[in-house]
Amino acid sequence: MSIEKNIQTVKDFFAAIGSGDKEALLALVAEDIEWIIPGEDWPLAGTRHGHAGLTDLLETASKSIETSTEPREFVAQGDRVLVVGSARGKIKATNKTFEDDWIFAITVRDGRLTTIREYVDTQALARASRMDASGRSSNAQP
């Protein structure tokens, strides 16, 4: 596929995430997709495989985080598309907010996303996910 088509496929993917359209999202990813989110100490970290893994990731995200994501720049070469963006949100369990800049490295083959690797501020997300000693967030609302 052309670079332009690969970029459009990735833009469609982000639009499907933003609208919560699970059917469109699954149609845009390969059956054996691999989604890697580095880090520890927060619920979304790890590697997910296939449609089941993607569904699990989306369900975990909807239960644990409120976020708005803004992809701002799409840079492509061959079958790779890098997306530069930012996110703002809140971890539901702690009520702590976060802001982070991110890059997604995405591989597109035959019109479907096959690999996603997120480069995010894992420490900002881990801090926002961490409870204090009393089991409450230090900035939680009473």
C-alpha atoms as a PDB file:
ATOM      1  CA  MET A   1       0.000   0.000   0.000  1.00  0.00           C
ATOM      2  CA  SER A   2       1.059   3.582  -0.469  1.00  0.00           C
ATOM      3  CA  ILE A   3       2.361   5.703   2.378  1.00  0.00           C
ATOM      4  CA  GLU A   4      -0.704   7.927   2.054  1.00  0.00           C
ATOM      5  CA  LYS A   5      -3.048   4.934   2.423  1.00  0.00           C
ATOM      6  CA  ASN A   6      -1.088   3.693   5.436  1.00  0.00           C
ATOM      7  CA  ILE A   7      -1.411   7.113   7.091  1.00  0.00           C
ATOM      8  CA  GLN A   8      -5.157   7.180   6.351  1.00  0.00           C
ATOM      9  CA  THR A   9      -5.563   3.707   7.857  1.00  0.00           C
ATOM     10  CA  VAL A  10      -3.838   4.894  11.044  1.00  0.00           C
ATOM     11  CA  LYS A  11      -5.984   8.055  11.114  1.00  0.00           C
ATOM     12  CA  ASP A  12      -9.080   5.860  10.743  1.00  0.00           C
ATOM     13  CA  PHE A  13      -7.814   3.722  13.635  1.00  0.00           C
ATOM     14  CA  PHE A  14      -7.486   6.750  15.923  1.00  0.00           C
ATOM     15  CA  ALA A  15     -10.919   7.981  14.838  1.00  0.00           C
ATOM     16  CA  ALA A  16     -12.410   4.576  15.732  1.00  0.00           C
ATOM     17  CA  ILE A  17     -10.743   4.699  19.150  1.00  0.00           C
ATOM     18  CA  GLY A  18     -12.030   8.231  19.708  1.00  0.00           C
ATOM     19  CA  SER A  19     -15.597   7.323  18.780  1.00  0.00           C
ATOM     20  CA  GLY A  20     -15.560   4.002  20.635  1.00  0.00           C
ATOM     21  CA  ASP A  21     -16.410   2.101  17.434  1.00  0.00           C
ATOM     22  CA  LYS A  22     -15.119  -1.364  18.317  1.00  0.00           C
ATOM     23  CA  GLU A  23     -16.316  -2.927  15.038  1.00  0.00           C
ATOM     24  CA  ALA A  24     -14.431  -0.372  12.922  1.00  0.00           C
ATOM     25  CA  LEU A  25     -11.386  -0.713  15.151  1.00  0.00           C
ATOM     26  CA  LEU A  26     -11.237  -4.497  14.787  1.00  0.00           C
ATOM     27  CA  ALA A  27     -11.705  -4.183  11.025  1.00  0.00           C
ATOM     28  CA  LEU A  28      -8.573  -2.019  10.878  1.00  0.00           C
ATOM     29  CA  VAL A  29      -6.255  -4.386  12.752  1.00  0.00           C
ATOM     30  CA  ALA A  30      -4.780  -7.736  11.781  1.00  0.00           C
ATOM     31  CA  GLU A  31      -6.077 -10.860  13.527  1.00  0.00           C
ATOM     32  CA  ASP A  32      -2.607 -11.336  15.069  1.00  0.00           C
ATOM     33  CA  ILE A  33      -1.959  -7.704  16.036  1.00  0.00           C
ATOM     34  CA  GLU A  34       0.611  -7.101  18.753  1.00  0.00           C
ATOM     35  CA  TRP A  35       0.190  -4.005  20.970  1.00  0.00           C
ATOM     36  CA  ILE A  36       3.080  -3.228  23.309  1.00  0.00           C
ATOM     37  CA  ILE A  37       2.806  -0.715  26.147  1.00  0.00           C
ATOM     38  CA  PRO A  38       6.036  -0.602  28.169  1.00  0.00           C
ATOM     39  CA  GLY A  39       6.045  -0.070  31.896  1.00  0.00           C
ATOM     40  CA  GLU A  40       4.828  -1.470  35.155  1.00  0.00           C
ATOM     41  CA  ASP A  41       2.708  -0.352  38.083  1.00  0.00           C
ATOM     42  CA  TRP A  42      -0.263   0.657  35.948  1.00  0.00           C
ATOM     43  CA  PRO A  43      -3.064  -1.406  34.438  1.00  0.00           C
ATOM     44  CA  LEU A  44      -2.406  -0.856  30.731  1.00  0.00           C
ATOM     45  CA  ALA A  45       1.270  -1.879  30.687  1.00  0.00           C
ATOM     46  CA  GLY A  46       2.115  -5.104  28.890  1.00  0.00           C
ATOM     47  CA  THR A  47       1.875  -6.815  25.533  1.00  0.00           C
ATOM     48  CA  ARG A  48      -1.471  -7.809  24.059  1.00  0.00           C
ATOM     49  CA  HIS A  49      -1.942 -10.157  21.097  1.00  0.00           C
ATOM     50  CA  GLY A  50      -4.767 -10.603  18.609  1.00  0.00           C
ATOM     51  CA  HIS A  51      -8.306  -9.290  18.628  1.00  0.00           C
ATOM     52  CA  ALA A  52      -8.894 -10.796  22.095  1.00  0.00           C
ATOM     53  CA  GLY A  53      -5.878  -8.943  23.468  1.00  0.00           C
ATOM     54  CA  LEU A  54      -6.995  -5.702  21.859  1.00  0.00           C
ATOM     55  CA  THR A  55     -10.499  -6.133  23.274  1.00  0.00           C
ATOM     56  CA  ASP A  56      -9.010  -6.798  26.721  1.00  0.00           C
ATOM     57  CA  LEU A  57      -6.870  -3.671  26.460  1.00  0.00           C
ATOM     58  CA  LEU A  58      -9.847  -1.518  25.489  1.00  0.00           C
ATOM     59  CA  GLU A  59     -11.983  -2.934  28.314  1.00  0.00           C
ATOM     60  CA  THR A  60      -9.187  -2.425  30.858  1.00  0.00           C
ATOM     61  CA  ALA A  61      -8.688   1.130  29.604  1.00  0.00           C
ATOM     62  CA  SER A  62     -12.393   2.008  29.827  1.00  0.00           C
ATOM     63  CA  LYS A  63     -12.577   0.667  33.396  1.00  0.00           C
ATOM     64  CA  SER A  64      -9.406   2.317  34.646  1.00  0.00           C
ATOM     65  CA  ILE A  65      -8.817   5.562  32.773  1.00  0.00           C
ATOM     66  CA  GLU A  66     -10.571   8.615  31.365  1.00  0.00           C
ATOM     67  CA  THR A  67      -8.523  10.198  28.626  1.00  0.00           C
ATOM     68  CA  SER A  68      -8.572  12.458  25.639  1.00  0.00           C
ATOM     69  CA  THR A  69      -5.940  11.709  23.058  1.00  0.00           C
ATOM     70  CA  GLU A  70      -4.790  14.066  20.366  1.00  0.00           C
ATOM     71  CA  PRO A  71      -2.708  12.677  17.506  1.00  0.00           C
ATOM     72  CA  ARG A  72      -0.975  15.718  15.993  1.00  0.00           C
ATOM     73  CA  GLU A  73       1.552  14.469  13.476  1.00  0.00           C
ATOM     74  CA  PHE A  74       1.816  11.431  11.199  1.00  0.00           C
ATOM     75  CA  VAL A  75       5.217  10.517   9.782  1.00  0.00           C
ATOM     76  CA  ALA A  76       5.512   7.520   7.469  1.00  0.00           C
ATOM     77  CA  GLN A  77       8.122   5.536   5.628  1.00  0.00           C
ATOM     78  CA  GLY A  78       7.298   2.263   3.926  1.00  0.00           C
ATOM     79  CA  ASP A  79       4.932   0.262   6.118  1.00  0.00           C
ATOM     80  CA  ARG A  80       5.746   2.225   9.288  1.00  0.00           C
ATOM     81  CA  VAL A  81       3.727   5.172  10.577  1.00  0.00           C
ATOM     82  CA  LEU A  82       4.857   7.181  13.583  1.00  0.00           C
ATOM     83  CA  VAL A  83       2.147   9.174  15.295  1.00  0.00           C
ATOM     84  CA  VAL A  84       3.135  12.022  17.612  1.00  0.00           C
ATOM     85  CA  GLY A  85       0.514  13.203  20.058  1.00  0.00           C
ATOM     86  CA  SER A  86      -0.487  13.986  23.586  1.00  0.00           C
ATOM     87  CA  ALA A  87      -3.008  12.809  26.140  1.00  0.00           C
ATOM     88  CA  ARG A  88      -4.668  14.207  29.215  1.00  0.00           C
ATOM     89  CA  GLY A  89      -6.712  12.189  31.570  1.00  0.00           C
ATOM     90  CA  LYS A  90      -7.467  10.745  34.954  1.00  0.00           C
ATOM     91  CA  ILE A  91      -6.905   7.372  36.554  1.00  0.00           C
ATOM     92  CA  LYS A  92     -10.318   6.381  37.932  1.00  0.00           C
ATOM     93  CA  ALA A  93      -9.067   4.384  40.941  1.00  0.00           C
ATOM     94  CA  THR A  94      -6.975   7.252  42.315  1.00  0.00           C
ATOM     95  CA  ASN A  95      -8.718  10.270  40.792  1.00  0.00           C
ATOM     96  CA  LYS A  96      -5.230  11.537  39.873  1.00  0.00           C
ATOM     97  CA  THR A  97      -4.783  13.393  36.614  1.00  0.00           C
ATOM     98  CA  PHE A  98      -1.949  12.999  34.147  1.00  0.00           C
ATOM     99  CA  GLU A  99      -0.599  14.607  31.013  1.00  0.00           C
ATOM    100  CA  ASP A 100       1.797  12.922  28.661  1.00  0.00           C
ATOM    101  CA  ASP A 101       3.285  13.262  25.230  1.00  0.00           C
ATOM    102  CA  TRP A 102       3.519  10.061  23.262  1.00  0.00           C
ATOM    103  CA  ILE A 103       4.631   8.427  20.039  1.00  0.00           C
ATOM    104  CA  PHE A 104       3.015   5.344  18.564  1.00  0.00           C
ATOM    105  CA  ALA A 105       5.168   3.293  16.177  1.00  0.00           C
ATOM    106  CA  ILE A 106       2.684   1.423  13.985  1.00  0.00           C
ATOM    107  CA  THR A 107       3.259  -1.126  11.247  1.00  0.00           C
ATOM    108  CA  VAL A 108       0.597  -1.359   8.531  1.00  0.00           C
ATOM    109  CA  ARG A 109       0.469  -4.296   6.128  1.00  0.00           C
ATOM    110  CA  ASP A 110      -2.224  -4.942   3.547  1.00  0.00           C
ATOM    111  CA  GLY A 111      -4.358  -2.142   4.962  1.00  0.00           C
ATOM    112  CA  ARG A 112      -4.338  -3.393   8.567  1.00  0.00           C
ATOM    113  CA  LEU A 113      -2.346  -2.493  11.654  1.00  0.00           C
ATOM    114  CA  THR A 114      -0.082  -5.403  12.621  1.00  0.00           C
ATOM    115  CA  THR A 115       2.060  -3.903  15.391  1.00  0.00           C
ATOM    116  CA  ILE A 116       1.626  -0.980  17.746  1.00  0.00           C
ATOM    117  CA  ARG A 117       4.326   0.070  20.174  1.00  0.00           C
ATOM    118  CA  GLU A 118       3.563   2.993  22.434  1.00  0.00           C
ATOM    119  CA  TYR A 119       6.279   5.280  23.701  1.00  0.00           C
ATOM    120  CA  VAL A 120       4.517   7.083  26.541  1.00  0.00           C
ATOM    121  CA  ASP A 121       5.469   8.760  29.790  1.00  0.00           C
ATOM    122  CA  THR A 122       5.037   5.568  31.785  1.00  0.00           C
ATOM    123  CA  GLN A 123       6.216   7.265  34.967  1.00  0.00           C
ATOM    124  CA  ALA A 124       3.483   9.924  34.780  1.00  0.00           C
ATOM    125  CA  LEU A 125       0.918   7.161  34.356  1.00  0.00           C
ATOM    126  CA  ALA A 126       2.432   5.026  37.131  1.00  0.00           C
ATOM    127  CA  ARG A 127       2.412   8.027  39.510  1.00  0.00           C
ATOM    128  CA  ALA A 128      -1.207   8.750  38.675  1.00  0.00           C
ATOM    129  CA  SER A 129      -2.067   5.079  39.292  1.00  0.00           C
ATOM    130  CA  ARG A 130      -0.330   4.841  42.661  1.00  0.00           C
ATOM    131  CA  MET A 131      -2.333   5.010  45.867  1.00  0.00           C
ATOM    132  CA  ASP A 132      -0.869   6.577  48.997  1.00  0.00           C
ATOM    133  CA  ALA A 133      -0.384   4.569  52.213  1.00  0.00           C
ATOM    134  CA  SER A 134      -4.018   5.093  53.267  1.00  0.00           C
ATOM    135  CA  GLY A 135      -5.255   3.596  50.013  1.00  0.00           C
ATOM    136  CA  ARG A 136      -6.314   7.000  48.701  1.00  0.00           C
ATOM    137  CA  SER A 137      -4.827   9.275  46.156  1.00  0.00           C
ATOM    138  CA  SER A 138      -3.075  12.290  47.616  1.00  0.00           C
ATOM    139  CA  ASN A 139      -5.223  14.551  45.422  1.00  0.00           C
ATOM    140  CA  ALA A 140      -8.435  12.517  45.575  1.00  0.00           C
ATOM    141  CA  GLN A 141     -11.658  14.332  46.202  1.00  0.00           C
ATOM    142  CA  PRO A 142     -13.383  13.469  49.526  1.00  0.00           C
END
